Amino acid sequence: MTLASKTPASRITETLAPAVATGLSALRAIVRTFLNRRAAYRVSELPDYLLTDIGLKRDDVHEAMHADWREDPTFKMAMAAGRRRRSPTRD
């Protein structure tokens, strides 16, 4: 083993790289959630007949928009529309 193979800088890089990757991944998820929240806000401004066309009700949108800030409202809306599509009786 030589001195160049295990320098302190390489050990720092080995331990720091996974932490930076995890931090960037979390930051991407937060940004994606906020962008999706903005899109959900635009969906909330649609009239009821258009919401019905995409399989949502005003209550679904209201529930999704008033969820915790860390939750993606577009995912909640998609799940509600999917449940309504699969249900044998229309609400």
N, C-alpha and C. Protein backbone atom coordinates (compact mmCIF):
# COMPACT_ATOMS: atom_id res chain seq x y z
N MET A 1 0.84 -1.17 0.00
CA MET A 1 0.00 0.00 0.00
C MET A 1 0.89 1.24 0.00
N THR A 2 0.56 2.16 -0.85
CA THR A 2 1.34 3.38 -0.93
C THR A 2 0.60 4.52 -0.24
N LEU A 3 1.31 5.59 -0.02
CA LEU A 3 0.69 6.76 0.60
C LEU A 3 -0.38 7.37 -0.29
N ALA A 4 -0.20 7.29 -1.58
CA ALA A 4 -1.15 7.92 -2.50
C ALA A 4 -2.48 7.17 -2.57
N SER A 5 -2.49 5.91 -2.18
CA SER A 5 -3.72 5.14 -2.32
C SER A 5 -4.76 5.49 -1.25
N LYS A 6 -4.35 5.87 -0.07
CA LYS A 6 -5.29 6.19 1.00
C LYS A 6 -4.97 7.55 1.62
N THR A 7 -5.18 8.58 0.88
CA THR A 7 -4.97 9.91 1.42
C THR A 7 -6.22 10.35 2.17
N PRO A 8 -6.11 11.28 3.08
CA PRO A 8 -7.29 11.76 3.82
C PRO A 8 -8.37 12.33 2.89
N ALA A 9 -7.97 12.95 1.80
CA ALA A 9 -8.95 13.53 0.89
C ALA A 9 -9.80 12.44 0.23
N SER A 10 -9.20 11.31 -0.11
CA SER A 10 -9.98 10.24 -0.73
C SER A 10 -10.96 9.62 0.26
N ARG A 11 -10.58 9.55 1.54
CA ARG A 11 -11.50 9.02 2.56
C ARG A 11 -12.67 9.97 2.78
N ILE A 12 -12.40 11.25 2.75
CA ILE A 12 -13.47 12.24 2.89
C ILE A 12 -14.42 12.16 1.70
N THR A 13 -13.87 12.02 0.53
CA THR A 13 -14.70 11.91 -0.67
C THR A 13 -15.56 10.66 -0.63
N GLU A 14 -15.00 9.55 -0.14
CA GLU A 14 -15.77 8.31 -0.05
C GLU A 14 -16.95 8.44 0.90
N THR A 15 -16.81 9.18 1.97
CA THR A 15 -17.89 9.31 2.94
C THR A 15 -18.83 10.45 2.59
N LEU A 16 -18.33 11.45 1.91
CA LEU A 16 -19.15 12.61 1.59
C LEU A 16 -20.02 12.40 0.36
N ALA A 17 -19.56 11.64 -0.60
CA ALA A 17 -20.30 11.45 -1.85
C ALA A 17 -21.69 10.86 -1.64
N PRO A 18 -21.88 9.82 -0.84
CA PRO A 18 -23.24 9.30 -0.63
C PRO A 18 -24.15 10.32 0.07
N ALA A 19 -23.61 11.09 0.99
CA ALA A 19 -24.41 12.10 1.69
C ALA A 19 -24.86 13.20 0.73
N VAL A 20 -23.98 13.62 -0.15
CA VAL A 20 -24.34 14.64 -1.14
C VAL A 20 -25.38 14.09 -2.11
N ALA A 21 -25.22 12.86 -2.53
CA ALA A 21 -26.19 12.25 -3.44
C ALA A 21 -27.56 12.14 -2.78
N THR A 22 -27.60 11.77 -1.53
CA THR A 22 -28.86 11.68 -0.80
C THR A 22 -29.49 13.06 -0.65
N GLY A 23 -28.69 14.05 -0.34
CA GLY A 23 -29.19 15.42 -0.22
C GLY A 23 -29.76 15.94 -1.52
N LEU A 24 -29.08 15.68 -2.62
CA LEU A 24 -29.59 16.12 -3.93
C LEU A 24 -30.87 15.39 -4.31
N SER A 25 -30.95 14.13 -3.98
CA SER A 25 -32.16 13.37 -4.24
C SER A 25 -33.35 13.93 -3.45
N ALA A 26 -33.12 14.27 -2.20
CA ALA A 26 -34.17 14.85 -1.37
C ALA A 26 -34.58 16.22 -1.91
N LEU A 27 -33.62 17.01 -2.34
CA LEU A 27 -33.93 18.33 -2.89
C LEU A 27 -34.75 18.21 -4.17
N ARG A 28 -34.41 17.25 -5.03
CA ARG A 28 -35.19 17.02 -6.25
C ARG A 28 -36.62 16.64 -5.91
N ALA A 29 -36.80 15.80 -4.91
CA ALA A 29 -38.15 15.37 -4.51
C ALA A 29 -38.97 16.55 -3.98
N ILE A 30 -38.34 17.42 -3.21
CA ILE A 30 -39.03 18.59 -2.67
C ILE A 30 -39.43 19.53 -3.79
N VAL A 31 -38.53 19.78 -4.72
CA VAL A 31 -38.85 20.67 -5.86
C VAL A 31 -39.97 20.08 -6.70
N ARG A 32 -39.91 18.77 -6.96
CA ARG A 32 -40.96 18.11 -7.74
C ARG A 32 -42.32 18.23 -7.04
N THR A 33 -42.34 18.07 -5.72
CA THR A 33 -43.58 18.18 -4.97
C THR A 33 -44.15 19.59 -5.06
N PHE A 34 -43.31 20.59 -4.94
CA PHE A 34 -43.80 21.97 -5.04
C PHE A 34 -44.29 22.29 -6.45
N LEU A 35 -43.62 21.80 -7.47
CA LEU A 35 -44.10 22.02 -8.84
C LEU A 35 -45.43 21.32 -9.07
N ASN A 36 -45.56 20.12 -8.53
CA ASN A 36 -46.83 19.40 -8.65
C ASN A 36 -47.94 20.10 -7.88
N ARG A 37 -47.59 20.72 -6.76
CA ARG A 37 -48.59 21.47 -5.99
C ARG A 37 -49.08 22.67 -6.80
N ARG A 38 -48.19 23.32 -7.53
CA ARG A 38 -48.61 24.43 -8.39
C ARG A 38 -49.54 23.94 -9.50
N ALA A 39 -49.23 22.79 -10.07
CA ALA A 39 -50.10 22.22 -11.11
C ALA A 39 -51.46 21.85 -10.52
N ALA A 40 -51.46 21.31 -9.31
CA ALA A 40 -52.72 20.96 -8.65
C ALA A 40 -53.55 22.20 -8.36
N TYR A 41 -52.89 23.29 -8.04
CA TYR A 41 -53.61 24.54 -7.82
C TYR A 41 -54.32 24.98 -9.10
N ARG A 42 -53.65 24.81 -10.23
CA ARG A 42 -54.29 25.15 -11.50
C ARG A 42 -55.47 24.24 -11.79
N VAL A 43 -55.36 22.97 -11.43
CA VAL A 43 -56.48 22.04 -11.59
C VAL A 43 -57.64 22.47 -10.69
N SER A 44 -57.34 22.98 -9.51
CA SER A 44 -58.39 23.39 -8.58
C SER A 44 -59.20 24.56 -9.12
N GLU A 45 -58.65 25.30 -10.06
CA GLU A 45 -59.36 26.44 -10.64
C GLU A 45 -60.29 26.04 -11.78
N LEU A 46 -60.25 24.77 -12.19
CA LEU A 46 -61.11 24.30 -13.27
C LEU A 46 -62.56 24.24 -12.81
N PRO A 47 -63.51 24.45 -13.74
CA PRO A 47 -64.92 24.30 -13.38
C PRO A 47 -65.27 22.83 -13.15
N ASP A 48 -66.38 22.60 -12.48
CA ASP A 48 -66.78 21.25 -12.09
C ASP A 48 -66.97 20.31 -13.27
N TYR A 49 -67.50 20.80 -14.39
CA TYR A 49 -67.73 19.90 -15.53
C TYR A 49 -66.41 19.39 -16.12
N LEU A 50 -65.35 20.19 -16.06
CA LEU A 50 -64.05 19.71 -16.53
C LEU A 50 -63.41 18.74 -15.53
N LEU A 51 -63.62 19.00 -14.25
CA LEU A 51 -63.12 18.06 -13.25
C LEU A 51 -63.79 16.70 -13.43
N THR A 52 -65.09 16.70 -13.72
CA THR A 52 -65.81 15.45 -13.94
C THR A 52 -65.24 14.73 -15.16
N ASP A 53 -64.86 15.46 -16.18
CA ASP A 53 -64.28 14.84 -17.38
C ASP A 53 -62.98 14.10 -17.08
N ILE A 54 -62.22 14.58 -16.11
CA ILE A 54 -60.96 13.90 -15.78
C ILE A 54 -61.13 12.96 -14.58
N GLY A 55 -62.37 12.77 -14.15
CA GLY A 55 -62.66 11.77 -13.11
C GLY A 55 -62.52 12.27 -11.69
N LEU A 56 -62.60 13.57 -11.48
CA LEU A 56 -62.46 14.13 -10.14
C LEU A 56 -63.72 14.87 -9.73
N LYS A 57 -63.84 15.04 -8.44
CA LYS A 57 -64.88 15.89 -7.88
C LYS A 57 -64.19 17.03 -7.15
N ARG A 58 -64.92 18.06 -6.89
CA ARG A 58 -64.37 19.22 -6.18
C ARG A 58 -63.83 18.78 -4.80
N ASP A 59 -64.50 17.84 -4.16
CA ASP A 59 -64.04 17.36 -2.85
C ASP A 59 -62.67 16.68 -2.94
N ASP A 60 -62.43 15.94 -4.03
CA ASP A 60 -61.13 15.29 -4.21
C ASP A 60 -60.01 16.33 -4.30
N VAL A 61 -60.28 17.38 -5.06
CA VAL A 61 -59.28 18.44 -5.23
C VAL A 61 -59.05 19.16 -3.91
N HIS A 62 -60.15 19.46 -3.22
CA HIS A 62 -60.04 20.15 -1.93
C HIS A 62 -59.23 19.32 -0.93
N GLU A 63 -59.52 18.02 -0.88
CA GLU A 63 -58.80 17.14 0.04
C GLU A 63 -57.31 17.07 -0.31
N ALA A 64 -57.01 16.99 -1.59
CA ALA A 64 -55.61 16.91 -2.01
C ALA A 64 -54.85 18.20 -1.73
N MET A 65 -55.51 19.32 -1.93
CA MET A 65 -54.83 20.60 -1.73
C MET A 65 -54.62 20.92 -0.25
N HIS A 66 -55.43 20.35 0.62
CA HIS A 66 -55.28 20.63 2.04
C HIS A 66 -54.51 19.55 2.78
N ALA A 67 -53.78 18.75 2.05
CA ALA A 67 -52.92 17.73 2.67
C ALA A 67 -51.65 18.41 3.18
N ASP A 68 -50.84 17.65 3.84
CA ASP A 68 -49.57 18.13 4.36
C ASP A 68 -48.69 18.64 3.22
N TRP A 69 -47.85 19.63 3.49
CA TRP A 69 -47.04 20.23 2.44
C TRP A 69 -46.05 19.25 1.83
N ARG A 70 -45.72 18.18 2.55
CA ARG A 70 -44.77 17.20 2.04
C ARG A 70 -45.42 16.18 1.12
N GLU A 71 -46.75 16.14 1.08
CA GLU A 71 -47.46 15.18 0.24
C GLU A 71 -47.75 15.78 -1.12
N ASP A 72 -47.67 14.96 -2.14
CA ASP A 72 -47.90 15.39 -3.51
C ASP A 72 -49.40 15.38 -3.80
N PRO A 73 -50.02 16.55 -4.01
CA PRO A 73 -51.46 16.58 -4.24
C PRO A 73 -51.86 15.95 -5.58
N THR A 74 -50.99 15.99 -6.57
CA THR A 74 -51.36 15.39 -7.85
C THR A 74 -51.45 13.87 -7.73
N PHE A 75 -50.65 13.28 -6.86
CA PHE A 75 -50.73 11.84 -6.62
C PHE A 75 -52.06 11.50 -5.95
N LYS A 76 -52.46 12.32 -4.97
CA LYS A 76 -53.74 12.09 -4.30
C LYS A 76 -54.90 12.22 -5.28
N MET A 77 -54.82 13.19 -6.17
CA MET A 77 -55.89 13.36 -7.17
C MET A 77 -55.92 12.18 -8.14
N ALA A 78 -54.77 11.72 -8.54
CA ALA A 78 -54.71 10.57 -9.45
C ALA A 78 -55.29 9.32 -8.80
N MET A 79 -55.00 9.13 -7.51
CA MET A 79 -55.55 7.98 -6.81
C MET A 79 -57.07 8.08 -6.69
N ALA A 80 -57.58 9.27 -6.42
CA ALA A 80 -59.03 9.46 -6.31
C ALA A 80 -59.72 9.20 -7.65
N ALA A 81 -59.12 9.69 -8.74
CA ALA A 81 -59.69 9.46 -10.07
C ALA A 81 -59.65 7.97 -10.42
N GLY A 82 -58.59 7.30 -10.05
CA GLY A 82 -58.47 5.87 -10.31
C GLY A 82 -59.50 5.06 -9.54
N ARG A 83 -59.71 5.42 -8.27
CA ARG A 83 -60.74 4.74 -7.48
C ARG A 83 -62.12 4.93 -8.09
N ARG A 84 -62.39 6.14 -8.52
CA ARG A 84 -63.70 6.42 -9.12
C ARG A 84 -63.87 5.67 -10.44
N ARG A 85 -62.80 5.53 -11.20
CA ARG A 85 -62.87 4.81 -12.48
C ARG A 85 -63.12 3.33 -12.27
N ARG A 86 -62.55 2.75 -11.22
CA ARG A 86 -62.69 1.32 -10.96
C ARG A 86 -63.97 0.97 -10.22
N SER A 87 -64.61 1.95 -9.58
CA SER A 87 -65.81 1.63 -8.80
C SER A 87 -66.98 1.28 -9.74
N PRO A 88 -67.77 0.26 -9.39
CA PRO A 88 -68.89 -0.15 -10.25
C PRO A 88 -70.01 0.89 -10.29
N THR A 89 -70.19 1.65 -9.21
CA THR A 89 -71.22 2.69 -9.21
C THR A 89 -70.53 4.04 -9.30
N ARG A 90 -71.07 4.88 -10.11
CA ARG A 90 -70.50 6.23 -10.27
C ARG A 90 -71.00 7.11 -9.13
N ASP A 91 -70.08 7.91 -8.56
CA ASP A 91 -70.44 8.82 -7.45
C ASP A 91 -71.11 10.05 -7.99
